[in-house]
Amino acid sequence: MRRRCGLTIGAVLGFAVALALAGCGQANESASESLSRPSPPTGQSFADFLRCMRQVVYDYEPVETPKHLARQADAVVAGTIVDMKAGQSYAATAESEFDEATFVLEVKVDRVLAGDRGVVADGSVYVEMPNPASEDSCLEAPVPRAYGVFFLDDRTNEPYSAAVLDEGAGRPVGAQITTPFVQGFLIEDARGTLVSVMDGLETMSAPWRDLDSVDEVVAQLG
């Protein structure tokens, strides 16, 4: 069962899990087929983004393999991060100051590897992330135009608190909003090396530590 954890900046955050299990679909193409690649991100843009993302510490229940995680995800997609915008904020009431701010990554999808294609709107998925309340706002970092695999939880109808401020910010009207599982935000750096954004691969079990590329992740899902 997936566990949903609360939003806590600078302490503990489980931002990407919900209670109900979602079934996985079959991969749409051979997992061994090489995926197309964009130009890699620059080393500096990637480092700035990773440093911002790792201001947050994540509390989660790890799973043993990518295939196990895919069974819990609403969708698994491969694609390229192309944009980053301010997202919704959350508060106790509509009249309150916000408790948590977010930003939204747009990922241009080239393949839906498993799950619900409905999370894709006009070729993209929209991924909500916590925006640290500090001088190091992630919106100040360059967009890392990185290629990756994203194991996603559809949170469109599951807000994190009673009031949603700026509802729909950061995504087109009607597009669903998703969040990544902690182990499921995997992108390639400027050297083409696989990096787990939210928690390092080195902290995970051997099937994760042994992964070197997006293609190897995809192969695990076949």
N, C-alpha and C. Protein backbone atom coordinates (compact mmCIF):
# COMPACT_ATOMS: atom_id res chain seq x y z
N MET A 1 0.85 -1.19 0.00
CA MET A 1 0.00 0.00 0.00
C MET A 1 0.88 1.23 0.00
N ARG A 2 0.47 2.22 -0.76
CA ARG A 2 1.24 3.46 -0.81
C ARG A 2 0.91 4.32 0.39
N ARG A 3 1.91 4.98 0.92
CA ARG A 3 1.72 5.84 2.06
C ARG A 3 1.83 7.29 1.65
N ARG A 4 0.86 8.12 2.00
CA ARG A 4 0.95 9.55 1.73
C ARG A 4 1.54 10.23 2.94
N CYS A 5 2.57 11.01 2.77
CA CYS A 5 3.20 11.73 3.87
C CYS A 5 2.91 13.21 3.72
N GLY A 6 3.04 13.95 4.79
CA GLY A 6 2.75 15.38 4.76
C GLY A 6 3.87 16.18 4.15
N LEU A 7 3.55 17.42 3.77
CA LEU A 7 4.54 18.33 3.23
C LEU A 7 5.30 18.98 4.37
N THR A 8 6.63 18.85 4.41
CA THR A 8 7.41 19.52 5.43
C THR A 8 8.71 19.96 4.81
N ILE A 9 8.88 21.27 4.60
CA ILE A 9 10.08 21.78 3.97
C ILE A 9 11.22 21.78 4.98
N GLY A 10 12.40 21.28 4.55
CA GLY A 10 13.60 21.30 5.36
C GLY A 10 13.60 20.27 6.46
N ALA A 11 12.60 19.41 6.52
CA ALA A 11 12.59 18.38 7.55
C ALA A 11 12.22 17.07 6.89
N VAL A 12 10.95 16.71 6.89
CA VAL A 12 10.54 15.44 6.31
C VAL A 12 9.40 15.69 5.34
N LEU A 13 9.51 15.16 4.14
CA LEU A 13 8.45 15.35 3.16
C LEU A 13 8.18 14.05 2.46
N GLY A 14 6.96 13.58 2.51
CA GLY A 14 6.54 12.51 1.62
C GLY A 14 5.55 13.14 0.69
N PHE A 15 6.02 13.60 -0.48
CA PHE A 15 5.20 14.47 -1.31
C PHE A 15 4.51 13.69 -2.41
N ALA A 16 4.81 12.37 -2.51
CA ALA A 16 4.43 11.75 -3.75
C ALA A 16 3.71 10.43 -3.63
N VAL A 17 3.05 10.18 -2.51
CA VAL A 17 2.41 8.90 -2.36
C VAL A 17 0.96 9.04 -1.96
N ALA A 18 0.10 8.17 -2.44
CA ALA A 18 -1.31 8.18 -2.10
C ALA A 18 -1.69 6.81 -1.58
N LEU A 19 -2.93 6.63 -1.11
CA LEU A 19 -3.29 5.41 -0.41
C LEU A 19 -3.69 4.26 -1.33
N ALA A 20 -4.32 4.55 -2.44
CA ALA A 20 -4.85 3.46 -3.27
C ALA A 20 -3.81 3.00 -4.27
N LEU A 21 -3.78 1.70 -4.55
CA LEU A 21 -2.88 1.16 -5.55
C LEU A 21 -3.46 1.40 -6.94
N ALA A 22 -2.59 1.68 -7.88
CA ALA A 22 -3.05 1.82 -9.26
C ALA A 22 -2.42 0.72 -10.08
N GLY A 23 -3.20 0.10 -10.95
CA GLY A 23 -2.67 -0.98 -11.78
C GLY A 23 -1.76 -0.45 -12.84
N CYS A 24 -0.80 -1.27 -13.23
CA CYS A 24 0.13 -0.88 -14.28
C CYS A 24 -0.31 -1.48 -15.60
N GLY A 25 -0.19 -0.68 -16.66
CA GLY A 25 -0.38 -1.23 -17.99
C GLY A 25 0.92 -1.80 -18.50
N GLN A 26 0.84 -2.42 -19.61
CA GLN A 26 2.05 -2.97 -20.22
C GLN A 26 2.79 -1.87 -20.95
N ALA A 27 4.11 -1.99 -21.03
CA ALA A 27 4.89 -1.03 -21.81
C ALA A 27 4.42 -1.07 -23.24
N ASN A 28 4.43 0.10 -23.90
CA ASN A 28 3.86 0.20 -25.22
C ASN A 28 4.80 -0.25 -26.32
N GLU A 29 6.08 -0.28 -26.02
CA GLU A 29 7.05 -0.71 -27.00
C GLU A 29 8.06 -1.59 -26.29
N SER A 30 8.92 -2.22 -27.06
CA SER A 30 9.94 -3.06 -26.46
C SER A 30 10.80 -2.26 -25.51
N ALA A 31 11.00 -2.79 -24.29
CA ALA A 31 11.78 -2.07 -23.29
C ALA A 31 13.23 -1.95 -23.70
N SER A 32 13.67 -2.84 -24.59
CA SER A 32 15.07 -2.81 -24.98
C SER A 32 15.35 -1.77 -26.06
N GLU A 33 14.28 -1.21 -26.63
CA GLU A 33 14.47 -0.21 -27.69
C GLU A 33 15.07 1.06 -27.13
N SER A 34 16.11 1.56 -27.76
CA SER A 34 16.75 2.78 -27.29
C SER A 34 15.82 3.96 -27.46
N LEU A 35 15.76 4.83 -26.43
CA LEU A 35 14.89 6.00 -26.47
C LEU A 35 15.63 7.19 -27.09
N SER A 36 14.87 8.07 -27.71
CA SER A 36 15.46 9.27 -28.28
C SER A 36 16.01 10.15 -27.18
N ARG A 37 17.02 10.93 -27.50
CA ARG A 37 17.67 11.77 -26.51
C ARG A 37 17.68 13.23 -26.95
N PRO A 38 17.35 14.16 -26.07
CA PRO A 38 17.57 15.57 -26.36
C PRO A 38 19.02 15.91 -26.06
N SER A 39 19.38 17.15 -26.33
CA SER A 39 20.69 17.61 -25.87
C SER A 39 20.73 17.56 -24.36
N PRO A 40 21.83 17.08 -23.76
CA PRO A 40 21.87 16.98 -22.29
C PRO A 40 21.89 18.35 -21.64
N PRO A 41 21.46 18.42 -20.37
CA PRO A 41 21.54 19.70 -19.65
C PRO A 41 22.98 20.10 -19.44
N THR A 42 23.23 21.38 -19.23
CA THR A 42 24.58 21.80 -18.87
C THR A 42 24.88 21.35 -17.45
N GLY A 43 26.15 21.19 -17.15
CA GLY A 43 26.52 20.76 -15.81
C GLY A 43 26.04 21.72 -14.75
N GLN A 44 26.11 23.05 -15.03
CA GLN A 44 25.73 24.03 -14.02
C GLN A 44 24.24 24.05 -13.78
N SER A 45 23.43 24.02 -14.84
CA SER A 45 21.98 24.04 -14.66
C SER A 45 21.52 22.80 -13.91
N PHE A 46 22.12 21.68 -14.21
CA PHE A 46 21.75 20.44 -13.53
C PHE A 46 22.13 20.51 -12.06
N ALA A 47 23.32 20.98 -11.78
CA ALA A 47 23.79 21.05 -10.39
C ALA A 47 22.94 22.01 -9.58
N ASP A 48 22.56 23.16 -10.17
CA ASP A 48 21.72 24.13 -9.46
C ASP A 48 20.36 23.53 -9.13
N PHE A 49 19.77 22.84 -10.09
CA PHE A 49 18.46 22.23 -9.87
C PHE A 49 18.54 21.14 -8.80
N LEU A 50 19.54 20.29 -8.89
CA LEU A 50 19.67 19.20 -7.91
C LEU A 50 19.90 19.76 -6.51
N ARG A 51 20.71 20.80 -6.42
CA ARG A 51 20.96 21.41 -5.11
C ARG A 51 19.67 21.97 -4.51
N CYS A 52 18.84 22.59 -5.34
CA CYS A 52 17.57 23.11 -4.85
C CYS A 52 16.66 21.97 -4.40
N MET A 53 16.54 20.95 -5.21
CA MET A 53 15.64 19.85 -4.89
C MET A 53 16.05 19.14 -3.60
N ARG A 54 17.33 19.12 -3.33
CA ARG A 54 17.80 18.36 -2.16
C ARG A 54 17.87 19.22 -0.89
N GLN A 55 17.25 20.40 -0.94
CA GLN A 55 17.01 21.12 0.31
C GLN A 55 15.97 20.40 1.16
N VAL A 56 15.20 19.54 0.53
CA VAL A 56 14.13 18.81 1.19
C VAL A 56 14.59 17.39 1.48
N VAL A 57 14.26 16.90 2.67
CA VAL A 57 14.55 15.51 3.04
C VAL A 57 13.25 14.73 2.95
N TYR A 58 13.29 13.53 2.36
CA TYR A 58 12.09 12.78 2.07
C TYR A 58 11.95 11.56 2.98
N ASP A 59 10.76 11.41 3.54
CA ASP A 59 10.43 10.25 4.36
C ASP A 59 9.49 9.37 3.54
N TYR A 60 9.91 8.15 3.23
CA TYR A 60 9.10 7.30 2.37
C TYR A 60 9.40 5.83 2.65
N GLU A 61 8.52 4.98 2.13
CA GLU A 61 8.71 3.54 2.25
C GLU A 61 9.29 3.03 0.94
N PRO A 62 10.56 2.66 0.90
CA PRO A 62 11.19 2.25 -0.36
C PRO A 62 10.63 0.93 -0.88
N VAL A 63 10.67 0.77 -2.18
CA VAL A 63 10.34 -0.50 -2.81
C VAL A 63 11.60 -1.08 -3.42
N GLU A 64 11.57 -2.38 -3.68
CA GLU A 64 12.78 -3.10 -4.02
C GLU A 64 13.28 -2.84 -5.43
N THR A 65 12.36 -2.69 -6.39
CA THR A 65 12.76 -2.57 -7.79
C THR A 65 11.89 -1.55 -8.52
N PRO A 66 12.35 -1.05 -9.68
CA PRO A 66 11.50 -0.19 -10.50
C PRO A 66 10.19 -0.86 -10.90
N LYS A 67 10.22 -2.15 -11.16
CA LYS A 67 9.00 -2.85 -11.57
C LYS A 67 7.97 -2.83 -10.44
N HIS A 68 8.41 -3.00 -9.19
CA HIS A 68 7.50 -2.91 -8.05
C HIS A 68 6.92 -1.48 -7.94
N LEU A 69 7.75 -0.48 -8.17
CA LEU A 69 7.27 0.89 -8.07
C LEU A 69 6.25 1.19 -9.17
N ALA A 70 6.47 0.65 -10.36
CA ALA A 70 5.54 0.87 -11.46
C ALA A 70 4.15 0.34 -11.14
N ARG A 71 4.07 -0.70 -10.33
CA ARG A 71 2.77 -1.25 -9.96
C ARG A 71 2.00 -0.30 -9.04
N GLN A 72 2.71 0.57 -8.35
CA GLN A 72 2.07 1.52 -7.45
C GLN A 72 1.73 2.85 -8.14
N ALA A 73 2.42 3.14 -9.21
CA ALA A 73 2.27 4.44 -9.87
C ALA A 73 1.00 4.49 -10.72
N ASP A 74 0.40 5.68 -10.80
CA ASP A 74 -0.72 5.87 -11.72
C ASP A 74 -0.24 5.87 -13.17
N ALA A 75 0.97 6.34 -13.39
CA ALA A 75 1.55 6.33 -14.73
C ALA A 75 3.06 6.39 -14.62
N VAL A 76 3.73 5.81 -15.62
CA VAL A 76 5.19 5.92 -15.75
C VAL A 76 5.46 6.42 -17.16
N VAL A 77 6.20 7.53 -17.26
CA VAL A 77 6.46 8.12 -18.57
C VAL A 77 7.96 8.38 -18.72
N ALA A 78 8.40 8.42 -19.97
CA ALA A 78 9.75 8.87 -20.30
C ALA A 78 9.62 10.16 -21.09
N GLY A 79 10.47 11.12 -20.78
CA GLY A 79 10.40 12.39 -21.49
C GLY A 79 11.43 13.39 -21.00
N THR A 80 11.31 14.61 -21.47
CA THR A 80 12.29 15.67 -21.22
C THR A 80 11.66 16.82 -20.46
N ILE A 81 12.32 17.28 -19.41
CA ILE A 81 11.88 18.48 -18.70
C ILE A 81 12.10 19.68 -19.63
N VAL A 82 11.02 20.45 -19.87
CA VAL A 82 11.14 21.57 -20.80
C VAL A 82 10.79 22.92 -20.18
N ASP A 83 10.12 22.93 -19.01
CA ASP A 83 9.73 24.21 -18.44
C ASP A 83 9.48 24.05 -16.95
N MET A 84 9.47 25.19 -16.24
CA MET A 84 9.25 25.21 -14.80
C MET A 84 8.53 26.51 -14.46
N LYS A 85 7.37 26.41 -13.78
CA LYS A 85 6.56 27.58 -13.47
C LYS A 85 6.08 27.52 -12.03
N ALA A 86 5.69 28.67 -11.49
CA ALA A 86 5.08 28.70 -10.16
C ALA A 86 3.78 27.91 -10.20
N GLY A 87 3.54 27.14 -9.13
CA GLY A 87 2.34 26.31 -9.07
C GLY A 87 1.38 26.76 -7.99
N GLN A 88 0.48 25.88 -7.64
CA GLN A 88 -0.51 26.15 -6.60
C GLN A 88 0.17 26.30 -5.24
N SER A 89 -0.50 26.99 -4.33
CA SER A 89 -0.11 27.03 -2.93
C SER A 89 -1.24 26.42 -2.10
N TYR A 90 -0.91 26.01 -0.88
CA TYR A 90 -1.88 25.33 -0.03
C TYR A 90 -1.96 26.03 1.32
N ALA A 91 -3.18 26.09 1.86
CA ALA A 91 -3.40 26.77 3.14
C ALA A 91 -4.53 26.08 3.89
N ALA A 92 -4.66 26.41 5.17
CA ALA A 92 -5.72 25.82 5.98
C ALA A 92 -7.10 26.31 5.55
N THR A 93 -7.19 27.59 5.18
CA THR A 93 -8.45 28.16 4.68
C THR A 93 -8.13 29.09 3.52
N ALA A 94 -9.17 29.46 2.79
CA ALA A 94 -8.98 30.36 1.65
C ALA A 94 -8.50 31.73 2.07
N GLU A 95 -8.75 32.09 3.34
CA GLU A 95 -8.34 33.40 3.84
C GLU A 95 -6.96 33.37 4.50
N SER A 96 -6.37 32.18 4.64
CA SER A 96 -5.10 32.04 5.34
C SER A 96 -3.93 32.38 4.44
N GLU A 97 -2.80 32.69 5.09
CA GLU A 97 -1.54 32.72 4.36
C GLU A 97 -1.21 31.28 3.94
N PHE A 98 -0.52 31.15 2.80
CA PHE A 98 -0.23 29.78 2.36
C PHE A 98 0.75 29.09 3.30
N ASP A 99 0.56 27.78 3.44
CA ASP A 99 1.47 26.95 4.23
C ASP A 99 2.59 26.37 3.38
N GLU A 100 2.24 26.00 2.16
CA GLU A 100 3.20 25.37 1.27
C GLU A 100 3.06 25.95 -0.13
N ALA A 101 4.20 26.30 -0.72
CA ALA A 101 4.23 26.76 -2.11
C ALA A 101 4.78 25.64 -2.98
N THR A 102 4.42 25.67 -4.25
CA THR A 102 4.92 24.64 -5.17
C THR A 102 5.39 25.27 -6.47
N PHE A 103 6.13 24.49 -7.24
CA PHE A 103 6.37 24.83 -8.63
C PHE A 103 6.00 23.61 -9.46
N VAL A 104 5.83 23.83 -10.75
CA VAL A 104 5.38 22.77 -11.65
C VAL A 104 6.39 22.60 -12.77
N LEU A 105 6.83 21.37 -12.95
CA LEU A 105 7.69 21.01 -14.08
C LEU A 105 6.82 20.51 -15.22
N GLU A 106 7.08 21.01 -16.41
CA GLU A 106 6.46 20.42 -17.60
C GLU A 106 7.44 19.42 -18.20
N VAL A 107 6.97 18.19 -18.38
CA VAL A 107 7.78 17.14 -18.99
C VAL A 107 7.14 16.78 -20.32
N LYS A 108 7.88 16.99 -21.41
CA LYS A 108 7.40 16.61 -22.74
C LYS A 108 7.59 15.10 -22.89
N VAL A 109 6.49 14.39 -23.06
CA VAL A 109 6.50 12.93 -23.02
C VAL A 109 6.76 12.35 -24.40
N ASP A 110 7.68 11.39 -24.48
CA ASP A 110 7.81 10.66 -25.74
C ASP A 110 7.28 9.24 -25.65
N ARG A 111 7.13 8.71 -24.43
CA ARG A 111 6.54 7.38 -24.28
C ARG A 111 5.82 7.27 -22.94
N VAL A 112 4.63 6.68 -22.97
CA VAL A 112 3.96 6.25 -21.74
C VAL A 112 4.33 4.79 -21.55
N LEU A 113 5.07 4.50 -20.50
CA LEU A 113 5.61 3.17 -20.30
C LEU A 113 4.66 2.26 -19.55
N ALA A 114 3.79 2.84 -18.73
CA ALA A 114 2.83 2.05 -17.96
C ALA A 114 1.75 2.98 -17.44
N GLY A 115 0.57 2.42 -17.17
CA GLY A 115 -0.47 3.15 -16.48
C GLY A 115 -1.35 4.02 -17.36
N ASP A 116 -1.86 5.09 -16.78
CA ASP A 116 -2.93 5.92 -17.34
C ASP A 116 -2.40 6.98 -18.29
N ARG A 117 -2.77 6.87 -19.55
CA ARG A 117 -2.36 7.89 -20.53
C ARG A 117 -3.06 9.23 -20.30
N GLY A 118 -4.12 9.22 -19.47
CA GLY A 118 -4.86 10.43 -19.22
C GLY A 118 -4.08 11.51 -18.50
N VAL A 119 -2.94 11.16 -17.90
CA VAL A 119 -2.13 12.18 -17.23
C VAL A 119 -1.41 13.06 -18.24
N VAL A 120 -1.37 12.65 -19.51
CA VAL A 120 -0.69 13.41 -20.55
C VAL A 120 -1.68 14.36 -21.20
N ALA A 121 -1.35 15.64 -21.23
CA ALA A 121 -2.18 16.67 -21.84
C ALA A 121 -1.41 17.34 -22.97
N ASP A 122 -1.85 17.16 -24.19
CA ASP A 122 -1.19 17.77 -25.35
C ASP A 122 0.31 17.46 -25.36
N GLY A 123 0.62 16.21 -25.05
CA GLY A 123 2.01 15.75 -25.16
C GLY A 123 2.87 15.96 -23.93
N SER A 124 2.31 16.54 -22.86
CA SER A 124 3.12 16.82 -21.66
C SER A 124 2.42 16.31 -20.41
N VAL A 125 3.23 16.06 -19.37
CA VAL A 125 2.70 15.87 -18.03
C VAL A 125 3.20 17.03 -17.17
N TYR A 126 2.42 17.33 -16.12
CA TYR A 126 2.72 18.47 -15.26
C TYR A 126 2.95 17.93 -13.85
N VAL A 127 4.16 18.18 -13.35
CA VAL A 127 4.64 17.53 -12.13
C VAL A 127 4.84 18.58 -11.05
N GLU A 128 4.08 18.48 -9.98
CA GLU A 128 4.12 19.45 -8.89
C GLU A 128 5.19 19.07 -7.87
N MET A 129 5.99 20.06 -7.49
CA MET A 129 7.08 19.86 -6.54
C MET A 129 7.04 20.95 -5.48
N PRO A 130 7.54 20.66 -4.26
CA PRO A 130 7.60 21.70 -3.23
C PRO A 130 8.61 22.77 -3.58
N ASN A 131 8.24 24.02 -3.35
CA ASN A 131 9.17 25.13 -3.60
C ASN A 131 9.66 25.64 -2.25
N PRO A 132 10.90 25.38 -1.88
CA PRO A 132 11.38 25.76 -0.55
C PRO A 132 11.18 27.24 -0.26
N ALA A 133 10.72 27.53 0.94
CA ALA A 133 10.48 28.92 1.35
C ALA A 133 11.78 29.52 1.84
N SER A 134 12.65 29.82 0.91
CA SER A 134 13.97 30.36 1.25
C SER A 134 14.46 31.19 0.08
N GLU A 135 15.64 31.73 0.24
CA GLU A 135 16.23 32.50 -0.86
C GLU A 135 16.56 31.60 -2.04
N ASP A 136 16.63 30.28 -1.79
CA ASP A 136 16.99 29.34 -2.85
C ASP A 136 15.77 28.75 -3.52
N SER A 137 14.78 29.58 -3.83
CA SER A 137 13.60 29.12 -4.54
C SER A 137 14.01 28.39 -5.81
N CYS A 138 13.37 27.26 -6.05
CA CYS A 138 13.73 26.49 -7.23
C CYS A 138 13.40 27.24 -8.51
N LEU A 139 12.50 28.19 -8.43
CA LEU A 139 12.16 28.96 -9.62
C LEU A 139 13.30 29.89 -10.05
N GLU A 140 14.28 30.07 -9.17
CA GLU A 140 15.45 30.87 -9.52
C GLU A 140 16.51 30.04 -10.25
N ALA A 141 16.37 28.72 -10.20
CA ALA A 141 17.36 27.84 -10.85
C ALA A 141 17.02 27.69 -12.33
N PRO A 142 18.04 27.49 -13.18
CA PRO A 142 17.77 27.24 -14.59
C PRO A 142 16.98 25.94 -14.76
N VAL A 143 16.15 25.88 -15.79
CA VAL A 143 15.43 24.65 -16.09
C VAL A 143 16.42 23.61 -16.61
N PRO A 144 16.54 22.47 -15.92
CA PRO A 144 17.46 21.43 -16.41
C PRO A 144 16.78 20.63 -17.51
N ARG A 145 17.09 20.88 -18.74
CA ARG A 145 16.41 20.19 -19.84
C ARG A 145 16.94 18.76 -19.93
N ALA A 146 16.58 18.01 -18.88
CA ALA A 146 17.11 16.66 -18.71
C ALA A 146 16.09 15.63 -19.15
N TYR A 147 16.59 14.51 -19.64
CA TYR A 147 15.76 13.39 -20.06
C TYR A 147 15.63 12.43 -18.89
N GLY A 148 14.45 11.82 -18.73
CA GLY A 148 14.30 10.93 -17.59
C GLY A 148 13.09 10.03 -17.67
N VAL A 149 12.93 9.25 -16.59
CA VAL A 149 11.76 8.41 -16.37
C VAL A 149 11.08 8.91 -15.10
N PHE A 150 9.76 9.04 -15.16
CA PHE A 150 9.00 9.64 -14.06
C PHE A 150 7.87 8.68 -13.66
N PHE A 151 7.91 8.22 -12.41
CA PHE A 151 6.88 7.36 -11.84
C PHE A 151 5.93 8.29 -11.10
N LEU A 152 4.69 8.43 -11.60
CA LEU A 152 3.83 9.53 -11.20
C LEU A 152 2.57 9.08 -10.46
N ASP A 153 2.18 9.92 -9.51
CA ASP A 153 0.96 9.78 -8.76
C ASP A 153 0.03 10.92 -9.20
N ASP A 154 -1.18 10.60 -9.65
CA ASP A 154 -2.13 11.63 -10.07
C ASP A 154 -2.77 12.24 -8.83
N ARG A 155 -2.48 13.53 -8.58
CA ARG A 155 -3.00 14.22 -7.40
C ARG A 155 -4.05 15.27 -7.75
N THR A 156 -4.62 15.21 -8.93
CA THR A 156 -5.54 16.25 -9.38
C THR A 156 -6.68 16.47 -8.39
N ASN A 157 -7.23 15.39 -7.88
CA ASN A 157 -8.38 15.49 -6.98
C ASN A 157 -8.01 15.22 -5.53
N GLU A 158 -6.73 15.33 -5.20
CA GLU A 158 -6.28 15.07 -3.83
C GLU A 158 -5.37 16.20 -3.36
N PRO A 159 -5.95 17.37 -3.04
CA PRO A 159 -5.12 18.49 -2.57
C PRO A 159 -4.49 18.16 -1.23
N TYR A 160 -3.40 18.84 -0.93
CA TYR A 160 -2.64 18.55 0.29
C TYR A 160 -3.20 19.22 1.54
N SER A 161 -4.10 20.19 1.35
CA SER A 161 -4.75 20.82 2.50
C SER A 161 -6.11 21.33 2.07
N ALA A 162 -6.87 21.86 3.03
CA ALA A 162 -8.26 22.20 2.77
C ALA A 162 -8.44 23.25 1.69
N ALA A 163 -7.54 24.21 1.60
CA ALA A 163 -7.68 25.30 0.64
C ALA A 163 -6.54 25.26 -0.38
N VAL A 164 -6.90 25.41 -1.63
CA VAL A 164 -5.92 25.49 -2.72
C VAL A 164 -5.92 26.92 -3.23
N LEU A 165 -4.78 27.59 -3.13
CA LEU A 165 -4.65 28.96 -3.61
C LEU A 165 -4.07 28.94 -5.02
N ASP A 166 -4.49 29.86 -5.85
CA ASP A 166 -4.03 29.89 -7.24
C ASP A 166 -4.27 28.56 -7.93
N GLU A 167 -5.47 28.02 -7.75
CA GLU A 167 -5.77 26.69 -8.29
C GLU A 167 -5.53 26.64 -9.80
N GLY A 168 -4.83 25.60 -10.23
CA GLY A 168 -4.53 25.42 -11.64
C GLY A 168 -3.26 26.10 -12.11
N ALA A 169 -2.58 26.85 -11.23
CA ALA A 169 -1.36 27.55 -11.64
C ALA A 169 -0.30 26.57 -12.11
N GLY A 170 0.41 26.96 -13.15
CA GLY A 170 1.53 26.17 -13.63
C GLY A 170 1.20 25.13 -14.67
N ARG A 171 -0.11 25.00 -15.03
CA ARG A 171 -0.48 23.99 -16.02
C ARG A 171 -1.67 24.49 -16.83
N PRO A 172 -1.88 23.95 -18.04
CA PRO A 172 -3.03 24.39 -18.85
C PRO A 172 -4.35 23.99 -18.20
N VAL A 173 -5.40 24.70 -18.54
CA VAL A 173 -6.74 24.39 -18.04
C VAL A 173 -7.10 22.95 -18.42
N GLY A 174 -7.54 22.18 -17.45
CA GLY A 174 -7.95 20.81 -17.69
C GLY A 174 -6.85 19.78 -17.57
N ALA A 175 -5.58 20.20 -17.52
CA ALA A 175 -4.49 19.24 -17.38
C ALA A 175 -4.44 18.69 -15.97
N GLN A 176 -4.14 17.41 -15.84
CA GLN A 176 -4.02 16.79 -14.53
C GLN A 176 -2.70 17.20 -13.89
N ILE A 177 -2.67 17.14 -12.55
CA ILE A 177 -1.44 17.45 -11.83
C ILE A 177 -0.93 16.18 -11.17
N THR A 178 0.36 15.94 -11.27
CA THR A 178 0.96 14.73 -10.73
C THR A 178 2.10 15.09 -9.79
N THR A 179 2.51 14.11 -9.01
CA THR A 179 3.75 14.23 -8.23
C THR A 179 4.55 12.94 -8.42
N PRO A 180 5.88 13.01 -8.33
CA PRO A 180 6.68 11.81 -8.50
C PRO A 180 6.84 11.05 -7.19
N PHE A 181 6.95 9.75 -7.28
CA PHE A 181 7.38 8.96 -6.14
C PHE A 181 8.84 9.30 -5.84
N VAL A 182 9.23 9.18 -4.58
CA VAL A 182 10.59 9.58 -4.19
C VAL A 182 11.64 8.82 -4.99
N GLN A 183 11.43 7.53 -5.20
CA GLN A 183 12.38 6.74 -5.99
C GLN A 183 12.15 6.88 -7.49
N GLY A 184 11.12 7.62 -7.87
CA GLY A 184 10.69 7.62 -9.26
C GLY A 184 10.90 8.91 -10.02
N PHE A 185 11.91 9.69 -9.64
CA PHE A 185 12.26 10.91 -10.38
C PHE A 185 13.70 10.72 -10.82
N LEU A 186 13.88 10.09 -11.98
CA LEU A 186 15.18 9.65 -12.46
C LEU A 186 15.51 10.36 -13.76
N ILE A 187 16.60 11.14 -13.76
CA ILE A 187 17.00 11.88 -14.95
C ILE A 187 18.48 11.69 -15.20
N GLU A 188 18.89 12.01 -16.43
CA GLU A 188 20.29 11.88 -16.81
C GLU A 188 20.98 13.24 -16.74
N ASP A 189 22.19 13.25 -16.17
CA ASP A 189 22.93 14.49 -16.03
C ASP A 189 23.67 14.83 -17.31
N ALA A 190 24.53 15.85 -17.26
CA ALA A 190 25.23 16.32 -18.45
C ALA A 190 26.15 15.26 -19.06
N ARG A 191 26.54 14.29 -18.26
CA ARG A 191 27.40 13.20 -18.75
C ARG A 191 26.61 11.98 -19.17
N GLY A 192 25.27 12.04 -19.05
CA GLY A 192 24.44 10.90 -19.40
C GLY A 192 24.31 9.88 -18.29
N THR A 193 24.76 10.24 -17.09
CA THR A 193 24.67 9.34 -15.94
C THR A 193 23.30 9.47 -15.28
N LEU A 194 22.72 8.36 -14.88
CA LEU A 194 21.41 8.37 -14.24
C LEU A 194 21.52 8.91 -12.82
N VAL A 195 20.63 9.83 -12.48
CA VAL A 195 20.60 10.45 -11.15
C VAL A 195 19.18 10.37 -10.60
N SER A 196 19.04 9.95 -9.36
CA SER A 196 17.76 10.02 -8.67
C SER A 196 17.68 11.36 -7.97
N VAL A 197 16.70 12.19 -8.35
CA VAL A 197 16.65 13.58 -7.91
C VAL A 197 16.28 13.70 -6.44
N MET A 198 15.30 12.94 -5.98
CA MET A 198 14.74 13.15 -4.65
C MET A 198 15.48 12.40 -3.55
N ASP A 199 16.09 11.30 -3.88
CA ASP A 199 16.92 10.55 -2.94
C ASP A 199 17.94 9.79 -3.75
N GLY A 200 19.20 9.85 -3.36
CA GLY A 200 20.26 9.27 -4.16
C GLY A 200 20.14 7.77 -4.37
N LEU A 201 20.50 7.30 -5.55
CA LEU A 201 20.47 5.87 -5.84
C LEU A 201 21.32 5.08 -4.85
N GLU A 202 22.36 5.72 -4.35
CA GLU A 202 23.27 5.01 -3.44
C GLU A 202 22.60 4.62 -2.13
N THR A 203 21.47 5.22 -1.81
CA THR A 203 20.76 4.89 -0.57
C THR A 203 19.77 3.74 -0.77
N MET A 204 19.59 3.29 -2.01
CA MET A 204 18.54 2.31 -2.33
C MET A 204 19.11 0.91 -2.44
N SER A 205 18.22 -0.05 -2.68
CA SER A 205 18.61 -1.45 -2.81
C SER A 205 19.38 -1.67 -4.11
N ALA A 206 20.03 -2.82 -4.21
CA ALA A 206 20.92 -3.12 -5.34
C ALA A 206 20.26 -2.96 -6.71
N PRO A 207 19.00 -3.40 -6.92
CA PRO A 207 18.41 -3.21 -8.25
C PRO A 207 18.34 -1.77 -8.70
N TRP A 208 18.28 -0.83 -7.76
CA TRP A 208 18.31 0.59 -8.10
C TRP A 208 19.75 1.08 -8.27
N ARG A 209 20.62 0.69 -7.36
CA ARG A 209 22.02 1.14 -7.42
C ARG A 209 22.71 0.71 -8.69
N ASP A 210 22.27 -0.40 -9.27
CA ASP A 210 22.92 -0.93 -10.46
C ASP A 210 22.47 -0.26 -11.75
N LEU A 211 21.50 0.65 -11.68
CA LEU A 211 20.99 1.31 -12.88
C LEU A 211 21.93 2.44 -13.30
N ASP A 212 22.24 2.51 -14.59
CA ASP A 212 23.15 3.53 -15.10
C ASP A 212 22.51 4.50 -16.09
N SER A 213 21.33 4.17 -16.63
CA SER A 213 20.75 5.00 -17.68
C SER A 213 19.23 4.86 -17.69
N VAL A 214 18.58 5.75 -18.42
CA VAL A 214 17.13 5.65 -18.61
C VAL A 214 16.78 4.35 -19.30
N ASP A 215 17.56 3.96 -20.31
CA ASP A 215 17.27 2.71 -21.02
C ASP A 215 17.26 1.52 -20.06
N GLU A 216 18.17 1.51 -19.08
CA GLU A 216 18.20 0.40 -18.14
C GLU A 216 16.97 0.39 -17.24
N VAL A 217 16.49 1.59 -16.87
CA VAL A 217 15.24 1.65 -16.09
C VAL A 217 14.08 1.08 -16.90
N VAL A 218 13.98 1.51 -18.16
CA VAL A 218 12.91 1.04 -19.03
C VAL A 218 12.97 -0.48 -19.20
N ALA A 219 14.16 -1.01 -19.35
CA ALA A 219 14.31 -2.46 -19.50
C ALA A 219 13.79 -3.21 -18.28
N GLN A 220 13.91 -2.60 -17.10
CA GLN A 220 13.41 -3.23 -15.88
C GLN A 220 11.89 -3.34 -15.88
N LEU A 221 11.21 -2.52 -16.66
CA LEU A 221 9.75 -2.49 -16.65
C LEU A 221 9.13 -3.46 -17.63
N GLY A 222 9.95 -4.09 -18.48
CA GLY A 222 9.42 -4.98 -19.50
C GLY A 222 8.88 -6.29 -18.93
